[in-house]
Protein backbone atom coordinates (compact mmCIF):
# COMPACT_ATOMS: atom_id res chain seq x y z
CA MET A 1 2.98 -30.82 -26.95
CA PRO A 2 1.60 -28.91 -23.49
CA SER A 3 0.15 -31.03 -20.86
CA SER A 4 -3.53 -31.26 -20.46
CA SER A 5 -3.46 -28.90 -17.14
CA ALA A 6 -0.96 -26.35 -19.23
CA HIS A 7 -3.61 -26.41 -22.05
CA ASP A 8 -6.32 -25.93 -19.56
CA LEU A 9 -4.61 -22.96 -18.15
CA ASN A 10 -3.90 -21.45 -21.37
CA ALA A 11 -8.08 -21.60 -22.30
CA ARG A 12 -8.72 -20.09 -18.88
CA ALA A 13 -6.31 -17.16 -19.70
CA ILE A 14 -7.74 -16.30 -23.22
CA GLY A 15 -8.99 -12.53 -23.12
CA ALA A 16 -8.83 -12.88 -19.19
CA ARG A 17 -7.72 -10.46 -16.69
CA ILE A 18 -4.89 -12.14 -14.41
CA SER A 19 -3.44 -10.53 -11.38
CA LEU A 20 0.03 -11.69 -10.34
CA VAL A 21 1.07 -11.64 -6.76
CA ALA A 22 3.39 -13.02 -4.43
CA PRO A 23 2.35 -15.42 -1.92
CA GLY A 24 1.65 -14.81 1.76
CA GLU A 25 -0.55 -11.94 3.22
CA GLY A 26 0.35 -8.36 3.61
CA GLY A 27 -0.75 -4.94 2.53
CA VAL A 28 0.31 -5.23 -1.12
CA LYS A 29 -1.89 -8.43 -1.17
CA ASP A 30 -4.99 -6.83 0.28
CA TYR A 31 -4.55 -4.00 -2.42
CA ALA A 32 -4.33 -6.32 -5.14
CA VAL A 33 -7.60 -8.42 -3.84
CA ALA A 34 -9.43 -5.63 -4.20
CA LEU A 35 -8.25 -3.79 -7.24
CA ASN A 36 -8.76 -7.39 -9.22
CA GLY A 37 -12.24 -7.86 -7.66
CA LEU A 38 -13.15 -4.34 -9.45
CA LEU A 39 -11.50 -5.55 -12.62
CA GLN A 40 -13.78 -8.70 -12.66
CA GLY A 41 -9.79 -10.79 -12.86
CA GLN A 42 -8.22 -13.69 -11.50
CA LEU A 43 -6.11 -13.55 -8.80
CA LEU A 44 -2.98 -16.10 -9.19
CA GLU A 45 0.14 -16.38 -7.09
CA ALA A 46 3.68 -16.24 -8.95
CA THR A 47 6.04 -18.97 -8.43
CA PRO A 48 8.27 -20.82 -9.93
CA ALA A 49 5.56 -23.85 -10.24
CA LEU A 50 3.25 -21.38 -12.25
CA PRO A 51 3.37 -22.47 -15.99
CA ALA A 52 3.91 -19.84 -18.77
CA ALA A 53 0.69 -20.94 -20.49
CA ALA A 54 -1.46 -19.78 -17.85
CA LEU A 55 -0.43 -16.35 -18.60
CA ALA A 56 -1.04 -16.79 -22.88
CA GLY A 57 -3.85 -14.61 -24.05
CA ALA A 58 -4.48 -12.89 -20.77
CA ASP A 59 -4.53 -8.84 -20.02
CA VAL A 60 -1.60 -9.72 -16.67
CA VAL A 61 -0.75 -6.59 -14.02
CA LEU A 62 1.95 -8.46 -11.79
CA HIS A 63 2.20 -6.84 -8.48
CA TYR A 64 5.91 -5.94 -7.39
CA VAL A 65 7.58 -6.25 -4.22
CA GLY A 66 10.50 -8.08 -4.87
CA TYR A 67 10.91 -9.46 -1.09
CA GLY A 68 7.65 -10.72 -1.64
CA TYR A 69 8.91 -13.25 -4.62
CA ALA A 70 12.37 -13.97 -3.08
CA ARG A 71 14.20 -13.57 0.10
CA ARG A 72 16.89 -11.68 -0.59
CA GLY A 73 14.50 -9.41 -2.93
CA THR A 74 16.46 -10.68 -6.81
CA PRO A 75 13.28 -12.53 -7.85
CA LEU A 76 15.30 -13.48 -11.15
CA TRP A 77 13.36 -16.43 -11.92
CA LEU A 78 10.28 -14.01 -11.93
CA LEU A 79 11.86 -12.17 -14.67
CA ARG A 80 12.71 -14.95 -16.82
CA ARG A 81 9.36 -16.48 -16.57
CA LEU A 82 8.14 -13.04 -17.79
CA ARG A 83 10.42 -13.10 -20.38
CA GLU A 84 9.60 -16.53 -21.57
CA ALA A 85 5.77 -15.73 -21.33
CA ARG A 86 5.73 -12.11 -22.59
CA PRO A 87 5.14 -12.80 -26.21
CA HIS A 88 1.94 -15.02 -25.56
CA MET A 89 0.13 -12.20 -23.25
CA ARG A 90 -2.58 -9.59 -24.77
CA ARG A 91 -1.10 -7.28 -22.20
CA LEU A 92 1.29 -6.53 -19.37
CA GLY A 93 1.20 -4.11 -16.91
CA ILE A 94 3.30 -4.10 -13.72
CA PHE A 95 2.68 -1.89 -10.66
CA PHE A 96 5.93 -1.43 -8.70
CA HIS A 97 4.63 -1.34 -5.03
CA GLU A 98 8.86 -1.15 -4.22
CA LEU A 99 11.57 -1.04 -6.76
CA TYR A 100 14.76 -1.47 -4.43
CA ALA A 101 16.00 -1.59 -1.09
CA ASP A 102 18.93 0.58 -0.08
CA GLY A 103 21.29 -0.21 3.06
CA ALA A 104 24.14 0.48 4.73
CA PRO A 105 27.78 -1.65 3.21
CA TRP A 106 27.13 -4.12 6.49
CA ARG A 107 23.68 -4.94 5.22
CA SER A 108 22.58 -7.03 2.37
CA ALA A 109 20.51 -4.75 0.84
CA PHE A 110 23.61 -2.42 -0.02
CA TRP A 111 24.88 -5.78 -2.29
CA LEU A 112 22.09 -6.46 -3.65
CA SER A 113 21.00 -2.99 -4.53
CA PRO A 114 22.07 -3.44 -8.37
CA VAL A 115 20.64 -6.46 -8.56
CA GLN A 116 17.37 -5.35 -7.31
CA ARG A 117 17.76 -2.44 -10.05
CA TYR A 118 18.34 -4.51 -12.87
CA ILE A 119 15.26 -6.56 -12.39
CA ALA A 120 12.73 -3.36 -12.00
CA ALA A 121 14.12 -1.87 -14.72
CA GLU A 122 13.95 -5.03 -16.87
CA LEU A 123 10.19 -5.47 -16.23
CA ALA A 124 9.93 -1.90 -16.84
CA SER A 125 11.09 -2.69 -19.95
CA LEU A 126 9.48 -5.72 -20.66
CA ALA A 127 5.63 -3.89 -19.56
CA ASP A 128 3.21 -2.47 -22.09
CA PHE A 129 2.73 0.09 -18.92
CA TRP A 130 3.27 0.85 -15.91
CA VAL A 131 2.04 2.27 -12.37
CA THR A 132 3.58 3.20 -8.97
CA ASN A 133 2.92 4.80 -5.64
CA ARG A 134 5.70 7.59 -5.62
CA GLU A 135 6.54 10.31 -7.49
CA GLY A 136 10.11 9.33 -6.62
CA SER A 137 9.77 5.88 -7.95
CA ALA A 138 8.15 7.13 -11.11
CA ARG A 139 11.54 9.70 -11.50
CA TRP A 140 13.75 6.05 -11.34
CA LEU A 141 11.83 4.39 -13.82
CA ASN A 142 11.64 7.00 -16.60
CA ALA A 143 15.23 7.31 -15.97
CA HIS A 144 16.14 3.60 -16.17
CA ALA A 145 13.61 2.13 -18.79
CA PRO A 146 11.84 2.49 -22.57
CA ALA A 147 9.19 5.09 -22.01
CA ARG A 148 5.80 3.49 -21.46
CA PRO A 149 2.20 5.21 -20.75
CA HIS A 150 2.16 4.93 -16.43
CA ARG A 151 0.29 6.28 -13.61
CA VAL A 152 1.60 7.79 -10.29
CA LEU A 153 -0.95 6.55 -8.07
CA PRO A 154 -0.34 6.61 -4.13
CA VAL A 155 -2.20 3.68 -2.88
CA PHE A 156 -5.62 3.70 -1.84
CA SER A 157 -7.15 2.72 1.97
CA ASN A 158 -7.99 -0.77 2.22
CA LEU A 159 -10.24 -0.49 5.12
CA GLY A 160 -12.91 1.79 3.23
CA GLU A 161 -13.45 5.59 2.35
CA SER A 162 -15.52 7.17 4.69
CA GLY A 163 -14.60 10.54 5.74
CA ALA A 164 -17.17 10.34 8.26
CA PRO A 165 -18.35 14.17 9.92
CA GLN A 166 -16.63 16.22 12.75
CA PRO A 167 -19.60 15.20 15.44
CA GLN A 168 -18.61 11.28 15.11
CA ARG A 169 -15.23 12.22 16.34
CA GLN A 170 -14.48 10.79 19.82
CA ALA A 171 -10.82 11.59 22.20
CA ALA A 172 -9.80 8.60 21.03
CA VAL A 173 -6.00 7.48 19.06
CA VAL A 174 -5.21 4.84 16.89
CA VAL A 175 -2.03 3.23 15.71
CA LEU A 176 -2.64 0.38 13.09
CA GLY A 177 -0.85 -1.81 11.19
CA GLY A 178 1.45 -5.28 10.73
CA SER A 179 3.38 -6.32 13.87
CA ALA A 180 6.88 -4.16 12.67
CA LEU A 181 4.70 -1.12 11.52
CA ARG A 182 3.41 -0.72 14.74
CA ALA A 183 6.14 -1.83 17.36
CA GLN A 184 8.58 0.89 15.17
CA THR A 185 5.97 3.90 15.77
CA TYR A 186 5.50 3.02 19.37
CA GLN A 187 9.35 3.20 19.64
CA GLU A 188 9.51 6.09 17.92
CA ALA A 189 6.55 8.04 20.09
CA GLY A 190 8.46 6.70 23.22
CA ASP A 191 6.58 7.81 26.39
CA ALA A 192 5.55 10.83 24.54
CA LEU A 193 2.64 8.99 23.53
CA PHE A 194 1.04 7.38 26.70
CA ASP A 195 1.72 10.57 28.20
CA TRP A 196 0.25 12.91 25.83
CA VAL A 197 -2.68 10.28 26.19
CA GLY A 198 -2.78 10.68 29.56
CA ARG A 199 -2.86 14.10 30.23
CA ALA A 200 -5.37 15.00 27.16
CA GLY A 201 -8.05 12.43 28.65
CA PHE A 202 -7.90 10.64 24.80
CA THR A 203 -7.68 6.64 24.64
CA LEU A 204 -5.23 4.87 22.56
CA HIS A 205 -6.75 2.56 20.30
CA ASP A 206 -4.05 -0.65 19.42
CA VAL A 207 -5.19 -2.40 15.97
CA GLY A 208 -3.39 -4.87 14.35
CA PRO A 209 -1.82 -8.72 14.45
CA PRO A 210 -0.04 -9.19 18.41
CA LEU A 211 3.30 -7.46 18.27
CA GLY A 212 6.26 -9.74 18.45
CA ASP A 213 8.11 -8.24 21.08
CA ALA A 214 6.35 -9.65 24.44
CA GLY A 215 7.81 -6.88 26.36
CA LEU A 216 6.60 -3.75 24.47
CA ALA A 217 3.24 -5.71 24.46
CA ALA A 218 2.69 -5.93 27.90
CA GLY A 219 3.95 -2.10 28.50
CA ILE A 220 1.50 -0.91 26.33
CA ALA A 221 -1.49 -3.36 27.74
CA ARG A 222 -0.01 -1.49 31.21
CA ARG A 223 -0.45 1.93 30.06
CA GLY A 224 -3.83 1.29 28.95
CA ALA A 225 -3.96 0.96 25.56
CA VAL A 226 -6.91 -0.86 24.61
CA VAL A 227 -5.60 -3.98 22.28
CA HIS A 228 -8.26 -4.83 19.70
CA GLY A 229 -5.67 -7.37 17.88
CA ARG A 230 -6.13 -8.34 14.66
CA VAL A 231 -10.13 -7.19 13.59
CA GLU A 232 -12.61 -7.24 10.63
CA ALA A 233 -11.70 -4.19 7.92
CA ALA A 234 -15.37 -3.45 8.65
CA GLU A 235 -14.45 -2.87 12.40
CA ALA A 236 -11.09 -1.04 11.69
CA ALA A 237 -13.38 1.12 9.67
CA ARG A 238 -15.57 1.69 12.35
CA LEU A 239 -12.67 2.90 14.86
CA LEU A 240 -10.50 4.93 12.43
CA SER A 241 -14.13 6.92 11.47
CA VAL A 242 -14.92 8.03 14.73
CA SER A 243 -10.99 8.58 15.79
CA ALA A 244 -9.30 12.01 16.07
CA TYR A 245 -5.89 10.79 15.66
CA GLY A 246 -3.83 8.04 13.94
CA VAL A 247 0.03 7.77 14.38
CA LEU A 248 2.46 6.13 12.64
CA ALA A 249 6.18 6.20 12.41
CA TYR A 250 7.26 6.11 8.59
CA PRO A 251 9.55 8.39 6.32
CA VAL A 252 7.40 11.48 4.57
CA ASP A 253 9.17 10.67 1.43
CA TYR A 254 7.50 7.18 1.15
CA ALA A 255 3.92 7.94 2.54
CA ALA A 256 2.14 7.47 -0.66
CA LYS A 257 3.12 3.79 -0.63
CA SER A 258 1.98 3.10 3.04
CA GLY A 259 -1.86 1.52 3.40
CA VAL A 260 -1.82 2.75 6.84
CA PHE A 261 -1.23 6.42 5.97
CA ALA A 262 -3.81 5.63 3.44
CA ALA A 263 -6.29 4.60 5.98
CA TYR A 264 -5.83 7.48 8.27
CA CYS A 265 -6.59 10.25 5.35
CA ALA A 266 -9.33 8.12 3.12
CA HIS A 267 -11.45 8.82 6.80
CA ALA A 268 -10.40 11.98 7.81
CA VAL A 269 -8.25 11.08 10.84
CA CYS A 270 -5.57 13.59 11.47
CA PRO A 271 -1.96 11.81 10.92
CA VAL A 272 0.56 12.03 12.91
CA LEU A 273 3.21 11.33 10.88
CA LEU A 274 6.53 10.62 12.82
CA SER A 275 9.35 10.61 10.03
CA ARG A 276 12.86 11.82 10.84
CA HIS A 277 13.11 13.85 7.23
CA GLY A 278 10.74 16.75 6.58
CA GLY A 279 9.73 17.97 2.81
CA VAL A 280 7.17 18.00 0.44
CA HIS A 281 6.88 14.63 -1.33
CA ASP A 282 3.52 13.41 -3.63
CA GLY A 283 1.78 16.19 -2.74
CA ILE A 284 2.11 15.74 1.24
CA THR A 285 2.68 18.97 3.15
CA PRO A 286 3.11 19.72 6.61
CA GLY A 287 -0.39 20.61 6.64
CA HIS A 288 -1.60 17.35 5.65
CA TYR A 289 -0.27 15.44 9.06
CA LEU A 290 1.60 16.24 12.63
CA PRO A 291 5.13 15.80 12.88
CA SER A 292 5.18 14.97 16.44
CA ILE A 293 3.45 13.71 19.56
CA GLN A 294 4.22 17.29 20.97
CA ALA A 295 2.04 18.97 18.12
CA MET A 296 -1.04 17.39 18.91
CA SER A 297 -4.08 19.33 20.74
CA PRO A 298 -6.85 18.10 22.76
CA ASP A 299 -8.76 20.64 21.05
CA LEU A 300 -10.80 17.73 18.02
CA ASP A 301 -11.38 20.70 15.81
CA ALA A 302 -7.69 21.57 15.29
CA ALA A 303 -7.25 17.83 14.64
CA TRP A 304 -10.47 17.65 12.65
CA ARG A 305 -9.08 20.42 10.21
CA ILE A 306 -5.80 18.70 9.31
CA GLY A 307 -7.59 15.17 8.83
CA ARG A 308 -10.32 16.74 6.18
CA ALA A 309 -6.98 18.32 4.94
CA ALA A 310 -5.60 14.86 4.79
CA HIS A 311 -8.97 13.72 3.17
CA ALA A 312 -8.72 16.07 0.54
CA TRP A 313 -5.20 15.16 -0.56
CA TYR A 314 -6.34 11.61 -0.65
CA ALA A 315 -9.40 12.42 -3.02
CA PRO A 316 -7.90 12.32 -6.41
CA HIS A 317 -6.15 8.73 -6.04
CA ALA A 318 -9.32 7.11 -3.98
CA LEU A 319 -10.41 3.49 -5.39
CA ARG A 320 -12.70 4.53 -8.14
CA HIS A 321 -9.31 6.28 -9.39
CA HIS A 322 -7.38 3.16 -9.33
CA GLU A 323 -10.10 1.48 -11.21
CA ALA A 324 -10.32 4.28 -13.75
CA GLY A 325 -6.71 4.28 -14.45
CA PHE A 326 -5.84 0.67 -14.96
CA ARG A 327 -9.01 0.15 -16.94
CA GLU A 328 -7.57 3.28 -19.46
CA LEU A 329 -4.11 1.57 -19.31
CA LEU A 330 -5.59 -1.58 -19.71
CA GLY A 331 -8.04 -0.24 -23.04
CA LEU A 332 -10.97 -1.26 -20.84
CA GLY A 333 -12.61 2.28 -21.35
CA THR A 334 -14.15 4.42 -19.43
CA LEU A 335 -16.24 3.47 -15.65
CA PRO A 336 -19.99 2.10 -16.69
CA GLU A 337 -21.54 5.71 -16.49
CA GLN A 338 -23.80 4.59 -14.03
CA VAL A 339 -21.02 3.19 -11.82
CA ALA A 340 -19.06 6.34 -12.34
CA ALA A 341 -22.58 8.69 -11.31
CA ALA A 342 -22.74 6.52 -8.47
CA TRP A 343 -19.31 8.08 -7.26
C-alpha cells in the first residue's frame, strides 16, 4: 500500500504537467522555470528521494544535463527511477540540454563518456518525444535511439527579447554570464578587449555573479569596467537593449545551447563570439557574429547591422516558438488564438 504522502502526490499528478529539473540554480533551471510557467505546470526537483508515484498520470518533461543530477554526469539512479515510473505516466518528454562530455584521456570525462552516452540513449528510448538545442545533438539521438517525434530548438533568452531600435544604442560592450563563463571570456579576450574599449571610447559592463578569481576581478575593475554584479533580469535586459556589443568565449558549434548568446541575439546586440573553430552550425554563420576583438568597430551602425542579423537568426526559436513546440508535442493543441495574435 502506498503511503499517504505518496497517495497525495499521485492525486496531484493526475492530468498534471510536471517539469523535472536538477537541484540548484543556473541557465537550465531558468529555462525550465520560464517554459513551465507558460505550460502552467508544476516544477519538481528530481532527486533520488522523489517518489515514482509523484509522476503517475502526468505529462512529464525532464530537463536533462547529466552533471546536474550526478557529480560525474552518470545519473543511473535517474534512469532507473524513470523506467519504474514510465508505465504510469501519461507522456514523457525530454529536453536534452546536453548529452555527454568528452575529454582527454587524463580527464574523467574521457572514461565516463560511454556511460553518459548510454544513459542519454536509454532516456531517449523511454521518451514519447524529445527536444534538443543543437542539430549535432539531434543527429546523435536519431542515430542512437529509436525514432521519436522531436524538435531542434536553440535556447531562448532568459532575459527577455527586446530587439530595441538602433537610436537607443550606446557605445557600450557587455560581458554577461556566470562566474566561470565570464572568467573564460576575459581570459580568451585578454588585454585586447580592454585596449579596444579604451581606444574606441566605449564603456565595458561586467554583469553576473562575482568572479571566483580575485586577481582577475581586481584587474577588470582596475581597467575601468563597470562591475554590476548579479542584477535582476529586467536590469540585465535594459543594459543589453542599449549596448552595441556582447562578448562571449564559446565554441560556435555549441552556441545554439548558450543562454548568453541567445540573450545577445534576442536584444539585437552584436555578438563577439570567441571560438577556436569556425564553420556554419545551427544556421549560425559569420554574418551573425564577429569572430574576434580585432573585428570590432567603433561604428555603431556596423554593430547594429550584425546585431539585427543575429536577432533575425534568433526569431524562429524565440520563447513563443518553444511554447508552441512543446504544446504540440504534449498534445495540448495550438496556442490560444488571442495569445498568438498578440505575438
